[in-house]
Amino acid sequence: MYLSARDSIVLNFNPFIAFNPDPKSEYNDQLTRATNMTVSAIRFLRTLREGLLEPEVFHLNPAKSDTDTFKKLIRFVPSSLSWYGAYLVNAYPLDMSQYFRLFNSTRLPRPGRDELFTDDKARHLLVLRKGHFYVFDVLDENGNIVSASEIQAHLKYILSDNSPVPEFPLAYLATENRDVWAELRQKLVSDGNEENLKKVDSAVFCLCLDDFPIKDLVHLSHNMLHGDGTNRWFDKSFNLIIAKDGTAAVHFEHAWGDGVAVLRFFNEVFKDSTQAPAITPQSQPVRADSSAAVQKLSFKLNDALKAGISAAKEKFDATTKTLTIDLIRFQRGGKEFLKKEKLSPDSVAQLAFQMAFLRQYGQTVATYESCSTAAFKHGRTETIRPASIFTKRCSEAFVREPSKHSAKELQQMMAECSKYHGQLTKEAAMGQGFDRHLFALRYLAAAKGIALPELYLDPAYGQINHNILSTSTLVSPAQRTQHYAQ
């Protein structure tokens, strides 16, 4: 689905998750945090490739399975039987096949359908600053991490480059319609840029160093979701973005994987970089010949490519201007309070969306919420349908006729919504949803030239698949905010 989509991946597909600031304020210096987060990201890569990363587990009964006792016990069970031991306590190890594409990967534009490229032998990091591309090795010939002080020295060297933003920033091309970008990329290759593009595509990941501080949460959201188009490589599996004031986020391309894989990486990087930082604010970079170690990539642009970049910029600017973002920080309660009241925090958030839409537009509408199906091999997502007869009844009671119901009756309605939402979530996570199944049957019918069954022509099917509200969430103590747009 993702690779066949021809729309720009910016706003339509790529999301971001923003990190909380480092609890030690002095560690939020841009160079310090960029060095520490880069080292922590490479530590994660090494742990993953050496087979030492603990598996992700979905706990249906965490009181039994998410305990130190069970974790110690399961270690002594042979690997061929450990899955059964987990199954007995309703714990399901999650598929981690997506992690392979987390590093050294890029989405390549192709006519009709893109492809995913991975080169796990590459050892270099891609750094973007003011629209310029730099690469240097972060792994040595034996796969070991280059010293943190050397990485610090190279990043300091890049930050000292006073070159202005290029007249024709290459990064705009990755914001284009995918077929347009595919054609322009072929022109780039034909014009002598193939080797540089390979370095971009194969880099471990992309580190984006922004030259300005973040003003507020709205500015943060716009910057991490799309920026000004010059200082991201949106095709990369992920961009680690760090602003002048140390504000940081992970912006990721969606075709290779979902939030579950990214969130694990996100959490581990935050924990490692804040609890076991590779350098301190007082650390001095090693004396290294960064001018030799760091390569600044120079791209040859003919008139057609320059025109393509200009057109992409114009389209990007016009599109991003249409995006409105506003935020509210609700601090009169939270998930811990809701859990004490035996209410699902996610169900209450979804109920709030329904109430808000009803209050604003006078109706409740079809709503999409993504749910991971990583409990299955190569599982991606299933749809949760948060809008139900329960949420409609509860929303109407709160919005249209609150005086007709007692507080106890309203609480009971919320409890019914929570119970039903929890049931839908479990069904979706365990492969009992219907959306992906029907989508697959429709896709197969189209691929085989078979006439669509009447179900797909029914107005009700069309209505339920015209989602007015599209929602998604990832929960993490390390995150400040997260966004995606459609």
Protein backbone atom coordinates (compact mmCIF):
# COMPACT_ATOMS: atom_id res chain seq x y z
CA MET A 1 0.00 0.00 0.00
CA TYR A 2 2.66 2.52 1.07
CA LEU A 3 5.06 1.82 -1.79
CA SER A 4 2.35 2.05 -4.44
CA ALA A 5 1.01 5.39 -3.21
CA ARG A 6 2.06 8.20 -5.52
CA ASP A 7 1.35 11.16 -3.25
CA SER A 8 4.18 12.96 -1.52
CA ILE A 9 5.22 11.12 1.63
CA VAL A 10 5.46 14.45 3.47
CA LEU A 11 2.27 15.11 5.48
CA ASN A 12 0.53 12.15 3.83
CA PHE A 13 2.54 9.36 5.47
CA ASN A 14 5.64 10.31 7.46
CA PRO A 15 5.06 10.91 11.21
CA PHE A 16 7.37 12.07 13.99
CA ILE A 17 7.84 11.49 17.71
CA ALA A 18 9.52 14.25 19.74
CA PHE A 19 11.80 13.49 22.68
CA ASN A 20 11.45 15.05 26.08
CA PRO A 21 14.38 17.34 26.89
CA ASP A 22 17.32 15.74 28.67
CA PRO A 23 16.52 16.04 32.42
CA LYS A 24 19.98 17.59 32.89
CA SER A 25 19.52 20.94 31.15
CA GLU A 26 23.20 21.42 30.30
CA TYR A 27 23.07 18.22 28.22
CA ASN A 28 20.59 19.86 25.82
CA ASP A 29 23.41 21.73 24.11
CA GLN A 30 23.04 20.84 20.42
CA LEU A 31 26.51 19.34 19.94
CA THR A 32 26.37 17.42 23.21
CA ARG A 33 22.93 15.98 22.57
CA ALA A 34 23.63 15.21 18.91
CA THR A 35 26.76 13.29 19.90
CA ASN A 36 25.06 11.39 22.72
CA MET A 37 22.00 10.48 20.68
CA THR A 38 24.10 9.40 17.71
CA VAL A 39 26.21 7.14 19.93
CA SER A 40 23.10 5.73 21.62
CA ALA A 41 21.51 5.04 18.23
CA ILE A 42 24.62 3.14 17.11
CA ARG A 43 24.68 1.23 20.40
CA PHE A 44 21.12 0.15 19.64
CA LEU A 45 22.17 -0.92 16.14
CA ARG A 46 25.00 -3.02 17.56
CA THR A 47 22.75 -4.63 20.17
CA LEU A 48 20.19 -5.45 17.49
CA ARG A 49 22.66 -6.97 15.05
CA GLU A 50 24.37 -9.04 17.72
CA GLY A 51 21.03 -10.61 18.65
CA LEU A 52 21.06 -9.18 22.16
CA LEU A 53 17.99 -6.96 21.96
CA GLU A 54 15.25 -8.18 24.30
CA PRO A 55 12.09 -9.17 22.42
CA GLU A 56 8.99 -7.05 22.47
CA VAL A 57 6.09 -8.79 24.23
CA PHE A 58 2.35 -8.06 24.13
CA HIS A 59 0.91 -8.81 27.57
CA LEU A 60 -2.81 -9.61 27.71
CA ASN A 61 -2.46 -10.41 31.41
CA PRO A 62 0.49 -8.31 32.62
CA ALA A 63 -0.14 -9.22 36.26
CA LYS A 64 1.08 -12.74 35.41
CA SER A 65 3.49 -12.27 32.52
CA ASP A 66 5.05 -8.81 32.90
CA THR A 67 6.87 -9.74 36.10
CA ASP A 68 10.50 -10.35 37.04
CA THR A 69 9.60 -13.86 38.20
CA PHE A 70 8.18 -14.88 34.83
CA LYS A 71 11.05 -13.25 32.92
CA LYS A 72 13.61 -15.16 35.00
CA LEU A 73 11.69 -18.42 34.60
CA ILE A 74 11.25 -18.16 30.83
CA ARG A 75 15.02 -17.73 30.35
CA PHE A 76 15.53 -21.35 31.42
CA VAL A 77 12.93 -22.74 29.01
CA PRO A 78 14.39 -24.03 25.71
CA SER A 79 13.84 -21.56 22.86
CA SER A 80 11.79 -24.15 20.98
CA LEU A 81 9.28 -24.21 23.85
CA SER A 82 9.52 -20.69 25.28
CA TRP A 83 6.70 -19.46 23.05
CA TYR A 84 4.38 -22.01 24.66
CA GLY A 85 5.31 -20.87 28.15
CA ALA A 86 4.49 -17.31 27.13
CA TYR A 87 1.23 -18.42 25.52
CA LEU A 88 0.09 -20.07 28.76
CA VAL A 89 0.14 -16.71 30.54
CA ASN A 90 -1.29 -14.75 27.57
CA ALA A 91 2.04 -13.15 26.64
CA TYR A 92 2.77 -12.90 22.93
CA PRO A 93 6.27 -12.12 21.65
CA LEU A 94 5.94 -9.56 18.87
CA ASP A 95 7.35 -9.86 15.38
CA MET A 96 10.56 -7.86 15.04
CA SER A 97 11.26 -8.39 11.34
CA GLN A 98 10.74 -4.66 10.66
CA TYR A 99 13.84 -3.81 12.70
CA PHE A 100 16.01 -4.99 9.80
CA ARG A 101 14.97 -1.88 7.85
CA LEU A 102 15.50 0.56 10.72
CA PHE A 103 19.12 1.24 9.77
CA ASN A 104 20.95 1.68 6.44
CA SER A 105 17.63 1.89 4.61
CA THR A 106 15.93 4.27 2.20
CA ARG A 107 12.75 4.34 0.18
CA LEU A 108 13.72 4.71 -3.47
CA PRO A 109 11.27 6.42 -5.86
CA ARG A 110 10.30 4.27 -8.81
CA PRO A 111 7.63 4.72 -11.51
CA GLY A 112 4.40 3.12 -10.33
CA ARG A 113 5.79 1.56 -7.17
CA ASP A 114 8.73 2.49 -4.96
CA GLU A 115 11.21 0.02 -3.50
CA LEU A 116 13.02 -0.32 -0.19
CA PHE A 117 16.81 -0.37 -0.29
CA THR A 118 19.03 -1.63 2.54
CA ASP A 119 22.82 -1.93 2.70
CA ASP A 120 23.76 -3.17 6.17
CA LYS A 121 27.46 -3.16 5.28
CA ALA A 122 27.67 0.64 5.11
CA ARG A 123 29.37 2.31 8.09
CA HIS A 124 28.75 6.01 7.56
CA LEU A 125 26.31 8.54 8.98
CA LEU A 126 24.49 11.08 6.82
CA VAL A 127 24.30 14.58 8.32
CA LEU A 128 22.19 17.41 6.93
CA ARG A 129 22.75 21.02 7.92
CA LYS A 130 21.42 24.10 6.12
CA GLY A 131 20.59 21.92 3.11
CA HIS A 132 24.13 20.53 2.77
CA PHE A 133 24.93 16.80 2.87
CA TYR A 134 27.87 15.37 4.85
CA VAL A 135 28.97 11.79 5.54
CA PHE A 136 31.51 10.26 7.91
CA ASP A 137 32.05 6.81 9.40
CA VAL A 138 30.51 6.01 12.78
CA LEU A 139 31.56 2.34 12.68
CA ASP A 140 35.09 1.06 12.11
CA GLU A 141 36.13 -1.79 9.83
CA ASN A 142 35.27 -4.36 12.52
CA GLY A 143 31.82 -2.93 13.15
CA ASN A 144 32.76 -1.22 16.41
CA ILE A 145 31.51 2.25 17.28
CA VAL A 146 33.91 5.07 16.49
CA SER A 147 34.89 6.89 19.69
CA ALA A 148 32.34 9.41 20.95
CA SER A 149 34.94 12.17 21.03
CA GLU A 150 35.69 11.56 17.35
CA ILE A 151 32.00 11.74 16.46
CA GLN A 152 31.81 14.92 18.52
CA ALA A 153 34.76 16.39 16.61
CA HIS A 154 33.19 15.64 13.23
CA LEU A 155 29.83 17.11 14.24
CA LYS A 156 31.56 20.21 15.60
CA TYR A 157 33.35 20.56 12.27
CA ILE A 158 30.02 20.36 10.41
CA LEU A 159 28.42 22.90 12.74
CA SER A 160 31.29 25.30 12.03
CA ASP A 161 30.62 25.28 8.27
CA ASN A 162 29.29 28.75 7.45
CA SER A 163 28.12 27.91 3.93
CA PRO A 164 24.71 29.43 3.13
CA VAL A 165 21.72 27.30 2.15
CA PRO A 166 22.18 26.13 -1.48
CA GLU A 167 20.30 28.04 -4.16
CA PHE A 168 18.71 24.74 -5.21
CA PRO A 169 18.39 22.52 -2.10
CA LEU A 170 18.34 18.89 -3.21
CA ALA A 171 16.12 17.77 -0.31
CA TYR A 172 13.04 19.31 -1.93
CA LEU A 173 13.05 16.51 -4.50
CA ALA A 174 12.10 13.92 -1.85
CA THR A 175 8.94 15.94 -1.10
CA GLU A 176 7.58 15.50 -4.63
CA ASN A 177 4.94 13.21 -6.07
CA ARG A 178 6.65 9.82 -6.23
CA ASP A 179 6.46 9.42 -10.01
CA VAL A 180 7.81 12.94 -10.52
CA TRP A 181 10.59 12.24 -8.03
CA ALA A 182 11.40 8.93 -9.75
CA GLU A 183 11.91 10.72 -13.05
CA LEU A 184 14.03 13.45 -11.46
CA ARG A 185 16.12 10.91 -9.58
CA GLN A 186 16.94 9.17 -12.85
CA LYS A 187 18.11 12.53 -14.17
CA LEU A 188 20.31 12.88 -11.07
CA VAL A 189 21.87 9.49 -11.75
CA SER A 190 22.39 10.26 -15.43
CA ASP A 191 24.01 13.57 -14.55
CA GLY A 192 26.81 11.92 -12.56
CA ASN A 193 25.38 11.78 -9.02
CA GLU A 194 24.99 8.02 -8.63
CA GLU A 195 27.84 7.54 -6.13
CA ASN A 196 26.66 10.37 -3.91
CA LEU A 197 23.10 9.05 -3.98
CA LYS A 198 24.37 5.62 -2.93
CA LYS A 199 26.06 7.23 0.06
CA VAL A 200 22.79 8.93 0.99
CA ASP A 201 20.74 5.76 0.52
CA SER A 202 23.08 3.42 2.41
CA ALA A 203 23.87 5.69 5.38
CA VAL A 204 23.14 4.23 8.81
CA PHE A 205 20.59 7.01 9.32
CA CYS A 206 20.17 10.72 8.70
CA LEU A 207 21.04 13.25 11.41
CA CYS A 208 19.50 16.69 10.78
CA LEU A 209 21.08 19.62 12.61
CA ASP A 210 18.78 22.63 12.53
CA ASP A 211 20.20 26.13 12.90
CA PHE A 212 17.47 27.63 15.11
CA PRO A 213 15.82 26.98 18.49
CA ILE A 214 12.24 25.78 18.90
CA LYS A 215 9.81 28.53 19.95
CA ASP A 216 6.87 26.48 21.25
CA LEU A 217 4.99 23.21 20.73
CA VAL A 218 3.27 24.41 17.56
CA HIS A 219 6.61 25.42 16.05
CA LEU A 220 8.07 22.09 17.18
CA SER A 221 5.24 20.20 15.48
CA HIS A 222 5.57 22.00 12.15
CA ASN A 223 9.35 21.73 12.18
CA MET A 224 9.53 18.03 12.99
CA LEU A 225 6.65 17.06 10.70
CA HIS A 226 7.81 18.92 7.58
CA GLY A 227 10.29 21.73 8.35
CA ASP A 228 11.15 24.10 5.52
CA GLY A 229 11.97 21.23 3.14
CA THR A 230 15.71 21.92 2.92
CA ASN A 231 17.14 19.97 5.84
CA ARG A 232 15.50 16.53 5.79
CA TRP A 233 15.89 13.49 3.61
CA PHE A 234 12.30 12.26 3.88
CA ASP A 235 13.02 8.98 2.05
CA LYS A 236 15.43 7.81 4.77
CA SER A 237 14.13 5.16 7.18
CA PHE A 238 14.39 7.81 9.85
CA ASN A 239 15.75 11.30 10.40
CA LEU A 240 17.04 12.15 13.86
CA ILE A 241 16.37 15.89 14.09
CA ILE A 242 18.12 18.08 16.66
CA ALA A 243 17.42 21.82 16.84
CA LYS A 244 19.79 24.54 18.03
CA ASP A 245 18.42 24.30 21.58
CA GLY A 246 18.68 20.50 21.71
CA THR A 247 15.01 19.82 21.00
CA ALA A 248 15.02 16.42 19.31
CA ALA A 249 12.67 14.15 17.38
CA VAL A 250 12.59 11.05 15.21
CA HIS A 251 10.85 11.59 11.85
CA PHE A 252 10.34 8.31 10.01
CA GLU A 253 9.30 6.99 6.63
CA HIS A 254 6.34 4.60 7.02
CA ALA A 255 6.69 2.01 4.25
CA TRP A 256 9.39 -0.05 5.97
CA GLY A 257 7.74 -0.27 9.39
CA ASP A 258 5.33 0.96 12.00
CA GLY A 259 5.41 2.85 15.25
CA VAL A 260 6.10 -0.22 17.39
CA ALA A 261 9.62 -0.66 16.00
CA VAL A 262 10.36 3.06 16.02
CA LEU A 263 9.04 3.51 19.56
CA ARG A 264 11.33 0.79 20.91
CA PHE A 265 14.32 2.51 19.29
CA PHE A 266 13.06 5.90 20.49
CA ASN A 267 12.74 4.74 24.10
CA GLU A 268 16.12 3.02 24.15
CA VAL A 269 17.92 6.03 22.65
CA PHE A 270 16.37 8.41 25.17
CA LYS A 271 17.15 6.13 28.10
CA ASP A 272 20.72 5.44 27.02
CA SER A 273 21.57 9.02 26.04
CA THR A 274 20.25 10.44 29.32
CA GLN A 275 21.35 7.70 31.74
CA ALA A 276 24.64 6.65 30.12
CA PRO A 277 25.72 9.64 28.00
CA ALA A 278 28.84 9.10 25.91
CA ILE A 279 30.10 12.65 26.55
CA THR A 280 29.45 15.46 29.01
CA PRO A 281 29.06 19.18 28.25
CA GLN A 282 32.65 19.58 29.45
CA SER A 283 34.02 16.89 27.11
CA GLN A 284 36.47 18.12 24.52
CA PRO A 285 36.50 16.62 21.01
CA VAL A 286 39.51 14.50 20.15
CA ARG A 287 42.03 16.11 17.81
CA ALA A 288 40.92 14.62 14.54
CA ASP A 289 41.40 15.60 10.93
CA SER A 290 37.70 16.16 10.32
CA SER A 291 38.39 17.89 7.03
CA ALA A 292 39.61 14.52 5.74
CA ALA A 293 37.16 12.28 7.62
CA VAL A 294 34.03 14.28 6.77
CA GLN A 295 32.99 14.32 3.14
CA LYS A 296 30.70 17.08 1.95
CA LEU A 297 28.64 15.75 -0.93
CA SER A 298 28.38 17.95 -3.99
CA PHE A 299 25.61 17.23 -6.50
CA LYS A 300 25.67 18.15 -10.17
CA LEU A 301 22.44 19.84 -11.20
CA ASN A 302 21.50 20.55 -14.80
CA ASP A 303 18.76 22.99 -15.80
CA ALA A 304 16.05 20.31 -15.72
CA LEU A 305 16.98 19.34 -12.16
CA LYS A 306 17.10 22.97 -11.03
CA ALA A 307 13.65 23.49 -12.52
CA GLY A 308 12.46 20.33 -10.78
CA ILE A 309 13.77 21.54 -7.42
CA SER A 310 12.10 24.93 -7.88
CA ALA A 311 8.78 23.29 -8.77
CA ALA A 312 9.05 20.92 -5.80
CA LYS A 313 9.75 23.85 -3.46
CA GLU A 314 6.75 25.79 -4.75
CA LYS A 315 4.48 22.78 -4.28
CA PHE A 316 5.92 21.98 -0.85
CA ASP A 317 5.49 25.55 0.40
CA ALA A 318 1.91 25.74 -0.87
CA THR A 319 0.98 22.40 0.72
CA THR A 320 2.54 23.01 4.12
CA LYS A 321 0.82 26.40 4.35
CA THR A 322 -2.53 24.60 4.33
CA LEU A 323 -1.65 22.64 7.48
CA THR A 324 -3.06 23.97 10.74
CA ILE A 325 -1.73 22.64 14.02
CA ASP A 326 -2.93 23.53 17.48
CA LEU A 327 -2.33 21.81 20.78
CA ILE A 328 -3.84 21.71 24.21
CA ARG A 329 -2.11 20.35 27.28
CA PHE A 330 -4.74 18.88 29.56
CA GLN A 331 -3.31 18.77 33.06
CA ARG A 332 -6.39 18.28 35.26
CA GLY A 333 -6.09 14.51 35.13
CA GLY A 334 -4.36 11.81 33.18
CA LYS A 335 -3.95 8.13 32.50
CA GLU A 336 -3.14 7.20 36.10
CA PHE A 337 -6.38 8.76 37.33
CA LEU A 338 -8.35 7.04 34.56
CA LYS A 339 -6.79 3.68 35.35
CA LYS A 340 -7.79 4.09 39.00
CA GLU A 341 -11.33 4.63 37.76
CA LYS A 342 -10.95 1.48 35.62
CA LEU A 343 -11.26 3.44 32.40
CA SER A 344 -9.02 2.95 29.36
CA PRO A 345 -7.08 6.19 28.69
CA ASP A 346 -7.23 5.50 24.95
CA SER A 347 -11.00 5.00 25.05
CA VAL A 348 -11.45 8.30 26.90
CA ALA A 349 -9.27 10.10 24.33
CA GLN A 350 -11.31 8.60 21.50
CA LEU A 351 -14.53 9.55 23.28
CA ALA A 352 -13.25 13.12 23.59
CA PHE A 353 -12.66 13.21 19.81
CA GLN A 354 -16.24 12.07 19.21
CA MET A 355 -17.66 14.64 21.62
CA ALA A 356 -15.59 17.44 20.11
CA PHE A 357 -16.67 16.56 16.56
CA LEU A 358 -20.31 16.33 17.64
CA ARG A 359 -20.10 19.70 19.38
CA GLN A 360 -18.42 21.33 16.37
CA TYR A 361 -20.25 19.70 13.45
CA GLY A 362 -23.42 18.23 14.94
CA GLN A 363 -22.68 14.58 14.17
CA THR A 364 -20.42 11.65 14.97
CA VAL A 365 -18.48 10.16 12.07
CA ALA A 366 -16.52 7.12 10.92
CA THR A 367 -13.19 7.08 12.73
CA TYR A 368 -9.95 5.21 12.11
CA GLU A 369 -7.44 4.17 14.74
CA SER A 370 -4.42 2.02 13.92
CA CYS A 371 -3.55 -1.04 15.97
CA SER A 372 -0.38 -3.10 15.69
CA THR A 373 -0.68 -6.75 14.65
CA ALA A 374 2.96 -7.49 15.41
CA ALA A 375 1.79 -10.50 17.44
CA PHE A 376 1.83 -12.22 14.03
CA LYS A 377 4.77 -12.86 11.73
CA HIS A 378 5.28 -9.82 9.50
CA GLY A 379 2.21 -8.24 11.09
CA ARG A 380 1.63 -4.56 10.36
CA THR A 381 -1.65 -2.96 11.45
CA GLU A 382 -5.37 -3.53 11.79
CA THR A 383 -8.10 -0.94 12.20
CA ILE A 384 -9.88 -0.18 15.43
CA ARG A 385 -13.28 1.45 14.86
CA PRO A 386 -13.60 3.78 17.88
CA ALA A 387 -16.95 5.26 16.79
CA SER A 388 -19.69 2.95 18.07
CA ILE A 389 -23.25 3.00 19.35
CA PHE A 390 -21.74 3.37 22.82
CA THR A 391 -19.63 6.43 21.96
CA LYS A 392 -22.52 7.99 20.04
CA ARG A 393 -24.91 7.56 22.97
CA CYS A 394 -22.33 8.84 25.45
CA SER A 395 -21.34 11.81 23.28
CA GLU A 396 -24.94 12.87 22.78
CA ALA A 397 -25.58 12.59 26.52
CA PHE A 398 -22.61 14.82 27.38
CA VAL A 399 -22.98 17.32 24.54
CA ARG A 400 -26.72 17.61 23.94
CA GLU A 401 -28.47 16.59 27.13
CA PRO A 402 -26.11 16.53 30.13
CA SER A 403 -28.83 17.74 32.51
CA LYS A 404 -30.98 14.69 31.74
CA HIS A 405 -28.42 12.29 33.21
CA SER A 406 -26.96 11.91 36.66
CA ALA A 407 -23.21 11.82 37.19
CA LYS A 408 -23.50 8.11 37.92
CA GLU A 409 -25.31 7.48 34.62
CA LEU A 410 -22.68 9.43 32.69
CA GLN A 411 -19.91 7.48 34.42
CA GLN A 412 -21.67 4.24 33.50
CA MET A 413 -21.81 5.30 29.84
CA MET A 414 -18.10 6.05 29.88
CA ALA A 415 -17.44 2.64 31.44
CA GLU A 416 -19.44 0.96 28.65
CA CYS A 417 -17.41 2.85 26.04
CA SER A 418 -14.18 1.82 27.73
CA LYS A 419 -15.17 -1.84 27.96
CA TYR A 420 -16.22 -2.02 24.32
CA HIS A 421 -13.16 -0.12 23.12
CA GLY A 422 -10.93 -2.53 25.04
CA GLN A 423 -12.68 -5.45 23.35
CA LEU A 424 -12.19 -3.91 19.90
CA THR A 425 -8.52 -3.25 20.64
CA LYS A 426 -7.85 -6.84 21.72
CA GLU A 427 -9.71 -8.22 18.71
CA ALA A 428 -7.72 -6.02 16.32
CA ALA A 429 -4.37 -6.86 17.95
CA MET A 430 -5.12 -10.59 17.82
CA GLY A 431 -6.14 -10.62 14.15
CA GLN A 432 -9.89 -10.55 14.65
CA GLY A 433 -10.53 -7.26 12.86
CA PHE A 434 -12.30 -7.06 9.50
CA ASP A 435 -10.76 -4.09 7.67
CA ARG A 436 -7.49 -5.63 6.50
CA HIS A 437 -9.24 -8.89 5.59
CA LEU A 438 -11.75 -7.11 3.36
CA PHE A 439 -9.01 -4.90 1.92
CA ALA A 440 -6.95 -7.97 0.99
CA LEU A 441 -9.92 -9.65 -0.71
CA ARG A 442 -10.66 -6.48 -2.66
CA TYR A 443 -7.02 -6.16 -3.71
CA LEU A 444 -6.89 -9.79 -4.85
CA ALA A 445 -10.10 -9.41 -6.84
CA ALA A 446 -8.70 -6.36 -8.62
CA ALA A 447 -5.37 -8.10 -9.25
CA LYS A 448 -7.11 -11.12 -10.79
CA GLY A 449 -9.61 -9.06 -12.77
CA ILE A 450 -12.55 -10.49 -10.84
CA ALA A 451 -15.72 -8.43 -10.51
CA LEU A 452 -16.04 -6.92 -7.04
CA PRO A 453 -18.63 -8.60 -4.80
CA GLU A 454 -21.72 -6.50 -4.05
CA LEU A 455 -20.48 -5.82 -0.51
CA TYR A 456 -17.81 -3.47 -1.86
CA LEU A 457 -20.39 -1.52 -3.86
CA ASP A 458 -22.70 -1.01 -0.89
CA PRO A 459 -22.95 2.66 0.19
CA ALA A 460 -22.45 1.58 3.80
CA TYR A 461 -19.06 0.06 2.93
CA GLY A 462 -18.07 3.26 1.15
CA GLN A 463 -19.18 5.37 4.09
CA ILE A 464 -17.30 3.39 6.73
CA ASN A 465 -14.14 3.63 4.64
CA HIS A 466 -14.46 7.39 4.26
CA ASN A 467 -12.83 8.19 7.57
CA ILE A 468 -13.36 11.77 8.68
CA LEU A 469 -11.28 11.29 11.81
CA SER A 470 -7.97 9.46 11.49
CA THR A 471 -6.20 8.78 14.77
CA SER A 472 -3.11 7.04 16.07
CA THR A 473 -1.09 7.09 19.25
CA LEU A 474 2.12 5.79 20.76
CA VAL A 475 2.62 5.85 24.51
CA SER A 476 6.05 6.58 25.96
CA PRO A 477 7.41 8.35 29.04
CA ALA A 478 10.23 9.63 26.79
CA GLN A 479 8.02 11.51 24.34
CA ARG A 480 7.03 15.14 24.38
CA THR A 481 4.53 14.97 21.54
CA GLN A 482 3.86 13.11 18.29
CA HIS A 483 2.13 14.02 15.04
CA TYR A 484 1.18 12.82 11.64
CA ALA A 485 -0.97 14.47 8.97
CA GLN A 486 -3.23 13.23 6.21
